[in-house]
């Protein structure tokens, strides 16, 4: 995502971001679903300062 910054915005205003996700879902038996998700992203401010973040999420469902 790119932002059209105005001249009056402060240098630390968000300028652009990029985000990636990957999901893996598995049903080892009929009543259980397991999910693993990885998220990563970068950002850059108007002044050129940048950063990176990532996250791992785990989830599951049991049906009875």
N, C-alpha and C. Protein backbone atom coordinates (compact mmCIF):
# COMPACT_ATOMS: atom_id res chain seq x y z
N UNK A 1 0.84 -1.16 0.00
CA UNK A 1 0.00 0.00 0.00
C UNK A 1 0.90 1.23 0.00
N UNK A 2 0.66 2.14 -0.88
CA UNK A 2 1.38 3.41 -0.92
C UNK A 2 0.42 4.53 -0.53
N UNK A 3 0.92 5.47 0.27
CA UNK A 3 0.11 6.59 0.75
C UNK A 3 0.59 7.86 0.05
N UNK A 4 -0.34 8.69 -0.37
CA UNK A 4 0.03 9.99 -0.94
C UNK A 4 0.16 10.99 0.21
N UNK A 5 1.38 11.19 0.66
CA UNK A 5 1.62 12.10 1.77
C UNK A 5 1.51 13.56 1.34
N UNK A 6 0.98 14.37 2.24
CA UNK A 6 0.90 15.82 2.02
C UNK A 6 2.16 16.47 2.59
N UNK A 7 2.51 17.62 2.07
CA UNK A 7 3.69 18.33 2.56
C UNK A 7 3.56 18.70 4.04
N UNK A 8 2.34 18.89 4.53
CA UNK A 8 2.14 19.31 5.92
C UNK A 8 2.26 18.14 6.91
N UNK A 9 2.30 16.91 6.41
CA UNK A 9 2.41 15.76 7.31
C UNK A 9 3.82 15.66 7.88
N UNK A 10 3.90 15.15 9.10
CA UNK A 10 5.20 15.02 9.77
C UNK A 10 6.05 13.95 9.08
N UNK A 11 7.37 14.04 9.23
CA UNK A 11 8.27 13.06 8.57
C UNK A 11 8.03 11.61 9.00
N UNK A 12 7.48 11.40 10.21
CA UNK A 12 7.25 10.03 10.67
C UNK A 12 5.90 9.46 10.23
N UNK A 13 5.22 10.12 9.29
CA UNK A 13 3.95 9.62 8.75
C UNK A 13 4.20 8.40 7.87
N UNK A 14 3.29 7.44 7.93
CA UNK A 14 3.40 6.23 7.13
C UNK A 14 3.40 6.56 5.64
N UNK A 15 4.32 5.96 4.89
CA UNK A 15 4.39 6.17 3.44
C UNK A 15 4.01 4.92 2.66
N UNK A 16 4.51 3.74 3.07
CA UNK A 16 4.15 2.50 2.36
C UNK A 16 4.31 1.29 3.25
N UNK A 17 3.53 0.26 2.95
CA UNK A 17 3.60 -1.01 3.66
C UNK A 17 3.49 -2.16 2.67
N UNK A 18 4.05 -3.30 3.07
CA UNK A 18 3.93 -4.55 2.32
C UNK A 18 3.66 -5.64 3.33
N UNK A 19 2.76 -6.59 3.00
CA UNK A 19 2.41 -7.66 3.94
C UNK A 19 2.30 -8.98 3.20
N UNK A 20 2.79 -10.05 3.86
CA UNK A 20 2.72 -11.40 3.30
C UNK A 20 2.12 -12.33 4.35
N UNK A 21 1.35 -13.30 3.90
CA UNK A 21 0.81 -14.32 4.79
C UNK A 21 0.90 -15.68 4.13
N UNK A 22 1.04 -16.70 4.96
CA UNK A 22 1.03 -18.09 4.49
C UNK A 22 0.25 -18.90 5.52
N UNK A 23 -0.66 -19.74 5.04
CA UNK A 23 -1.50 -20.56 5.92
C UNK A 23 -1.34 -22.03 5.58
N UNK A 24 -1.38 -22.84 6.63
CA UNK A 24 -1.37 -24.29 6.46
C UNK A 24 -2.47 -24.84 7.36
N UNK A 25 -3.44 -25.53 6.76
CA UNK A 25 -4.54 -26.15 7.51
C UNK A 25 -4.46 -27.66 7.33
N UNK A 26 -4.72 -28.39 8.43
CA UNK A 26 -4.60 -29.83 8.40
C UNK A 26 -5.69 -30.43 9.28
N UNK A 27 -6.33 -31.47 8.79
CA UNK A 27 -7.33 -32.21 9.55
C UNK A 27 -6.82 -33.64 9.77
N UNK A 28 -6.10 -33.88 10.87
CA UNK A 28 -5.52 -35.20 11.08
C UNK A 28 -6.57 -36.30 11.31
N UNK A 29 -7.69 -35.91 11.91
CA UNK A 29 -8.83 -36.83 12.07
C UNK A 29 -10.11 -36.04 11.81
N UNK A 30 -11.21 -36.73 11.67
CA UNK A 30 -12.47 -36.12 11.25
C UNK A 30 -12.91 -34.92 12.09
N UNK A 31 -12.72 -34.94 13.38
CA UNK A 31 -13.26 -33.89 14.25
C UNK A 31 -12.25 -32.80 14.66
N UNK A 32 -11.04 -32.87 14.16
CA UNK A 32 -10.02 -31.89 14.56
C UNK A 32 -9.44 -31.19 13.33
N UNK A 33 -9.36 -29.87 13.40
CA UNK A 33 -8.68 -29.05 12.39
C UNK A 33 -7.57 -28.27 13.08
N UNK A 34 -6.39 -28.26 12.50
CA UNK A 34 -5.25 -27.51 13.02
C UNK A 34 -4.81 -26.50 11.96
N UNK A 35 -4.43 -25.29 12.40
CA UNK A 35 -4.05 -24.23 11.48
C UNK A 35 -2.76 -23.58 11.97
N UNK A 36 -1.84 -23.35 11.04
CA UNK A 36 -0.60 -22.63 11.31
C UNK A 36 -0.54 -21.47 10.31
N UNK A 37 -0.30 -20.26 10.81
CA UNK A 37 -0.27 -19.08 9.93
C UNK A 37 0.96 -18.24 10.25
N UNK A 38 1.66 -17.81 9.19
CA UNK A 38 2.83 -16.95 9.32
C UNK A 38 2.51 -15.63 8.62
N UNK A 39 2.76 -14.52 9.31
CA UNK A 39 2.54 -13.19 8.76
C UNK A 39 3.85 -12.40 8.84
N UNK A 40 4.15 -11.63 7.81
CA UNK A 40 5.36 -10.80 7.80
C UNK A 40 5.04 -9.51 7.05
N UNK A 41 5.73 -8.45 7.41
CA UNK A 41 5.49 -7.20 6.72
C UNK A 41 6.59 -6.19 6.94
N UNK A 42 6.63 -5.22 6.04
CA UNK A 42 7.57 -4.10 6.14
C UNK A 42 6.78 -2.80 6.04
N UNK A 43 7.38 -1.75 6.58
CA UNK A 43 6.78 -0.43 6.48
C UNK A 43 7.88 0.60 6.28
N UNK A 44 7.50 1.72 5.68
CA UNK A 44 8.45 2.82 5.49
C UNK A 44 7.72 4.14 5.72
N UNK A 45 8.36 5.01 6.51
CA UNK A 45 7.80 6.33 6.77
C UNK A 45 8.19 7.31 5.68
N UNK A 46 7.56 8.47 5.72
CA UNK A 46 7.85 9.54 4.76
C UNK A 46 9.32 9.94 4.79
N UNK A 47 9.96 9.88 5.96
CA UNK A 47 11.36 10.28 6.09
C UNK A 47 12.35 9.15 5.73
N UNK A 48 11.84 7.99 5.29
CA UNK A 48 12.70 6.89 4.87
C UNK A 48 12.98 5.86 5.95
N UNK A 49 12.60 6.14 7.21
CA UNK A 49 12.80 5.16 8.27
C UNK A 49 11.90 3.95 8.01
N UNK A 50 12.43 2.75 8.24
CA UNK A 50 11.67 1.55 7.90
C UNK A 50 11.73 0.53 9.03
N UNK A 51 10.87 -0.48 8.93
CA UNK A 51 10.83 -1.53 9.93
C UNK A 51 10.27 -2.81 9.36
N UNK A 52 10.48 -3.90 10.10
CA UNK A 52 10.02 -5.22 9.69
C UNK A 52 9.38 -5.89 10.89
N UNK A 53 8.33 -6.66 10.66
CA UNK A 53 7.67 -7.39 11.73
C UNK A 53 7.21 -8.74 11.21
N UNK A 54 7.24 -9.75 12.07
CA UNK A 54 6.68 -11.05 11.68
C UNK A 54 5.96 -11.67 12.87
N UNK A 55 5.11 -12.64 12.58
CA UNK A 55 4.26 -13.23 13.61
C UNK A 55 3.89 -14.65 13.20
N UNK A 56 3.80 -15.54 14.16
CA UNK A 56 3.38 -16.91 13.93
C UNK A 56 2.15 -17.17 14.79
N UNK A 57 1.10 -17.69 14.19
CA UNK A 57 -0.15 -17.98 14.91
C UNK A 57 -0.49 -19.46 14.74
N UNK A 58 -1.02 -20.05 15.80
CA UNK A 58 -1.43 -21.44 15.78
C UNK A 58 -2.87 -21.50 16.29
N UNK A 59 -3.69 -22.30 15.64
CA UNK A 59 -5.08 -22.42 16.07
C UNK A 59 -5.61 -23.82 15.81
N UNK A 60 -6.74 -24.10 16.39
CA UNK A 60 -7.35 -25.40 16.20
C UNK A 60 -8.83 -25.38 16.50
N UNK A 61 -9.51 -26.37 15.97
CA UNK A 61 -10.94 -26.55 16.20
C UNK A 61 -11.21 -28.01 16.52
N UNK A 62 -12.01 -28.24 17.54
CA UNK A 62 -12.46 -29.58 17.87
C UNK A 62 -13.98 -29.60 17.81
N UNK A 63 -14.54 -30.46 17.00
CA UNK A 63 -15.99 -30.57 16.86
C UNK A 63 -16.47 -31.80 17.62
N UNK A 64 -17.47 -31.60 18.49
CA UNK A 64 -18.01 -32.74 19.24
C UNK A 64 -19.51 -32.84 19.09
